Amino acid sequence: MSEHYNSLLDLFGRAGCLEEVHGLLEKMPHDLNMTGWTSLLNSSRLYGNSDLGKRCLHQVSHLELRDASSYVSLSNLFSGMAMWDAMAELLEQRKYLNARKRPGN
């Protein structure tokens, strides 16, 4: 069931309904929403919404602190918007937490 729910969240996020997806994720049980938050982070990058991207990273880091893929996505968002200071700060935070990217992610 959660796969279908996350697929719909991804679809709506890619369509630009970012705040709607954010609202739905806030109401989801915590054990189901890691994929949803990651998907919304990627959609935030697609639409250049750095504020929402930061909120997504905050949620993802509470669920899986050492997974670096979300840090990389937000870093790419900052890079695409020429937010170099924010990008450097995020990469330092990732290094401090010793977050590592899993192969294939």
C-alpha atoms as a PDB file:
ATOM      1  CA  MET A   1       0.000   0.000   0.000  1.00  0.00           C
ATOM      2  CA  SER A   2       2.768   2.455   0.865  1.00  0.00           C
ATOM      3  CA  GLU A   3       4.392   1.939  -2.567  1.00  0.00           C
ATOM      4  CA  HIS A   4       1.200   3.147  -4.259  1.00  0.00           C
ATOM      5  CA  TYR A   5       0.901   6.096  -1.903  1.00  0.00           C
ATOM      6  CA  ASN A   6       4.520   7.113  -2.475  1.00  0.00           C
ATOM      7  CA  SER A   7       4.080   6.741  -6.245  1.00  0.00           C
ATOM      8  CA  LEU A   8       1.177   9.186  -6.133  1.00  0.00           C
ATOM      9  CA  LEU A   9       3.195  11.593  -3.995  1.00  0.00           C
ATOM     10  CA  ASP A  10       6.036  11.395  -6.529  1.00  0.00           C
ATOM     11  CA  LEU A  11       3.638  11.984  -9.421  1.00  0.00           C
ATOM     12  CA  PHE A  12       2.079  15.036  -7.764  1.00  0.00           C
ATOM     13  CA  GLY A  13       5.514  16.379  -6.830  1.00  0.00           C
ATOM     14  CA  ARG A  14       6.759  16.068 -10.390  1.00  0.00           C
ATOM     15  CA  ALA A  15       3.620  17.901 -11.521  1.00  0.00           C
ATOM     16  CA  GLY A  16       4.566  20.828  -9.282  1.00  0.00           C
ATOM     17  CA  CYS A  17       2.046  20.312  -6.461  1.00  0.00           C
ATOM     18  CA  LEU A  18       4.819  20.642  -3.876  1.00  0.00           C
ATOM     19  CA  GLU A  19       2.927  22.207  -0.991  1.00  0.00           C
ATOM     20  CA  GLU A  20       0.086  19.709  -1.372  1.00  0.00           C
ATOM     21  CA  VAL A  21       2.542  16.809  -1.214  1.00  0.00           C
ATOM     22  CA  HIS A  22       4.222  18.427   1.797  1.00  0.00           C
ATOM     23  CA  GLY A  23       0.872  18.642   3.579  1.00  0.00           C
ATOM     24  CA  LEU A  24       0.121  14.988   2.890  1.00  0.00           C
ATOM     25  CA  LEU A  25       3.545  13.884   4.108  1.00  0.00           C
ATOM     26  CA  GLU A  26       3.060  15.794   7.358  1.00  0.00           C
ATOM     27  CA  LYS A  27      -0.014  13.635   8.026  1.00  0.00           C
ATOM     28  CA  MET A  28       1.542  10.274   7.079  1.00  0.00           C
ATOM     29  CA  PRO A  29       2.722   7.766   9.672  1.00  0.00           C
ATOM     30  CA  HIS A  30       6.490   8.158  10.142  1.00  0.00           C
ATOM     31  CA  ASP A  31       7.348   4.598   9.167  1.00  0.00           C
ATOM     32  CA  LEU A  32       5.930   5.101   5.669  1.00  0.00           C
ATOM     33  CA  ASN A  33       7.304   8.451   4.627  1.00  0.00           C
ATOM     34  CA  MET A  34      11.072   8.157   4.002  1.00  0.00           C
ATOM     35  CA  THR A  35      10.498   7.534   0.302  1.00  0.00           C
ATOM     36  CA  GLY A  36       7.914  10.306   0.134  1.00  0.00           C
ATOM     37  CA  TRP A  37      10.222  12.886   1.739  1.00  0.00           C
ATOM     38  CA  THR A  38      13.059  11.902  -0.581  1.00  0.00           C
ATOM     39  CA  SER A  39      10.766  12.174  -3.581  1.00  0.00           C
ATOM     40  CA  LEU A  40       9.574  15.616  -2.482  1.00  0.00           C
ATOM     41  CA  LEU A  41      13.184  16.704  -2.010  1.00  0.00           C
ATOM     42  CA  ASN A  42      13.925  15.695  -5.604  1.00  0.00           C
ATOM     43  CA  SER A  43      10.823  17.534  -6.832  1.00  0.00           C
ATOM     44  CA  SER A  44      11.943  20.590  -4.857  1.00  0.00           C
ATOM     45  CA  ARG A  45      15.233  20.426  -6.726  1.00  0.00           C
ATOM     46  CA  LEU A  46      13.359  20.130 -10.024  1.00  0.00           C
ATOM     47  CA  TYR A  47      11.324  23.264  -9.267  1.00  0.00           C
ATOM     48  CA  GLY A  48      14.118  25.198  -7.508  1.00  0.00           C
ATOM     49  CA  ASN A  49      12.347  25.417  -4.151  1.00  0.00           C
ATOM     50  CA  SER A  50      15.249  25.586  -1.691  1.00  0.00           C
ATOM     51  CA  ASP A  51      13.097  26.328   1.372  1.00  0.00           C
ATOM     52  CA  LEU A  52      11.032  23.204   0.868  1.00  0.00           C
ATOM     53  CA  GLY A  53      14.190  21.241   0.061  1.00  0.00           C
ATOM     54  CA  LYS A  54      15.647  22.217   3.438  1.00  0.00           C
ATOM     55  CA  ARG A  55      12.459  21.115   5.210  1.00  0.00           C
ATOM     56  CA  CYS A  56      12.585  17.779   3.394  1.00  0.00           C
ATOM     57  CA  LEU A  57      16.209  17.213   4.371  1.00  0.00           C
ATOM     58  CA  HIS A  58      15.323  17.987   7.977  1.00  0.00           C
ATOM     59  CA  GLN A  59      12.622  15.298   7.910  1.00  0.00           C
ATOM     60  CA  VAL A  60      14.789  12.750   6.087  1.00  0.00           C
ATOM     61  CA  SER A  61      17.704  13.292   8.462  1.00  0.00           C
ATOM     62  CA  HIS A  62      15.432  12.486  11.410  1.00  0.00           C
ATOM     63  CA  LEU A  63      14.506   9.210   9.749  1.00  0.00           C
ATOM     64  CA  GLU A  64      17.930   8.177   8.454  1.00  0.00           C
ATOM     65  CA  LEU A  65      20.696  10.487   9.619  1.00  0.00           C
ATOM     66  CA  ARG A  66      23.648   8.896   7.835  1.00  0.00           C
ATOM     67  CA  ASP A  67      22.104   8.500   4.373  1.00  0.00           C
ATOM     68  CA  ALA A  68      23.971  10.952   2.156  1.00  0.00           C
ATOM     69  CA  SER A  69      21.729  10.785  -0.914  1.00  0.00           C
ATOM     70  CA  SER A  70      19.414  13.483   0.455  1.00  0.00           C
ATOM     71  CA  TYR A  71      22.370  15.711   1.273  1.00  0.00           C
ATOM     72  CA  VAL A  72      23.578  15.265  -2.310  1.00  0.00           C
ATOM     73  CA  SER A  73      20.127  16.149  -3.712  1.00  0.00           C
ATOM     74  CA  LEU A  74      19.876  19.318  -1.647  1.00  0.00           C
ATOM     75  CA  SER A  75      23.468  20.195  -2.522  1.00  0.00           C
ATOM     76  CA  ASN A  76      22.555  19.854  -6.209  1.00  0.00           C
ATOM     77  CA  LEU A  77      19.556  22.131  -5.640  1.00  0.00           C
ATOM     78  CA  PHE A  78      21.791  24.763  -4.022  1.00  0.00           C
ATOM     79  CA  SER A  79      24.330  24.400  -6.822  1.00  0.00           C
ATOM     80  CA  GLY A  80      21.680  24.864  -9.494  1.00  0.00           C
ATOM     81  CA  MET A  81      20.576  28.084  -7.806  1.00  0.00           C
ATOM     82  CA  ALA A  82      24.178  29.320  -7.314  1.00  0.00           C
ATOM     83  CA  MET A  83      23.762  29.182  -3.515  1.00  0.00           C
ATOM     84  CA  TRP A  84      27.425  28.336  -2.982  1.00  0.00           C
ATOM     85  CA  ASP A  85      27.626  29.216   0.721  1.00  0.00           C
ATOM     86  CA  ALA A  86      24.593  27.090   1.553  1.00  0.00           C
ATOM     87  CA  MET A  87      26.026  24.241  -0.512  1.00  0.00           C
ATOM     88  CA  ALA A  88      29.394  24.399   1.264  1.00  0.00           C
ATOM     89  CA  GLU A  89      27.691  24.490   4.683  1.00  0.00           C
ATOM     90  CA  LEU A  90      25.565  21.477   3.790  1.00  0.00           C
ATOM     91  CA  LEU A  91      28.573  19.478   2.607  1.00  0.00           C
ATOM     92  CA  GLU A  92      30.375  20.307   5.863  1.00  0.00           C
ATOM     93  CA  GLN A  93      27.342  19.102   7.808  1.00  0.00           C
ATOM     94  CA  ARG A  94      27.338  15.881   5.789  1.00  0.00           C
ATOM     95  CA  LYS A  95      31.035  15.388   6.498  1.00  0.00           C
ATOM     96  CA  TYR A  96      30.537  16.086  10.229  1.00  0.00           C
ATOM     97  CA  LEU A  97      27.747  13.479  10.395  1.00  0.00           C
ATOM     98  CA  ASN A  98      29.866  11.042   8.399  1.00  0.00           C
ATOM     99  CA  ALA A  99      26.926  10.472   6.089  1.00  0.00           C
ATOM    100  CA  ARG A 100      27.737   8.086   3.273  1.00  0.00           C
ATOM    101  CA  LYS A 101      26.019   7.456  -0.010  1.00  0.00           C
ATOM    102  CA  ARG A 102      24.988   3.858  -0.437  1.00  0.00           C
ATOM    103  CA  PRO A 103      25.992   2.217  -3.731  1.00  0.00           C
ATOM    104  CA  GLY A 104      23.218   2.451  -6.290  1.00  0.00           C
ATOM    105  CA  ASN A 105      21.477   5.451  -4.683  1.00  0.00           C
END
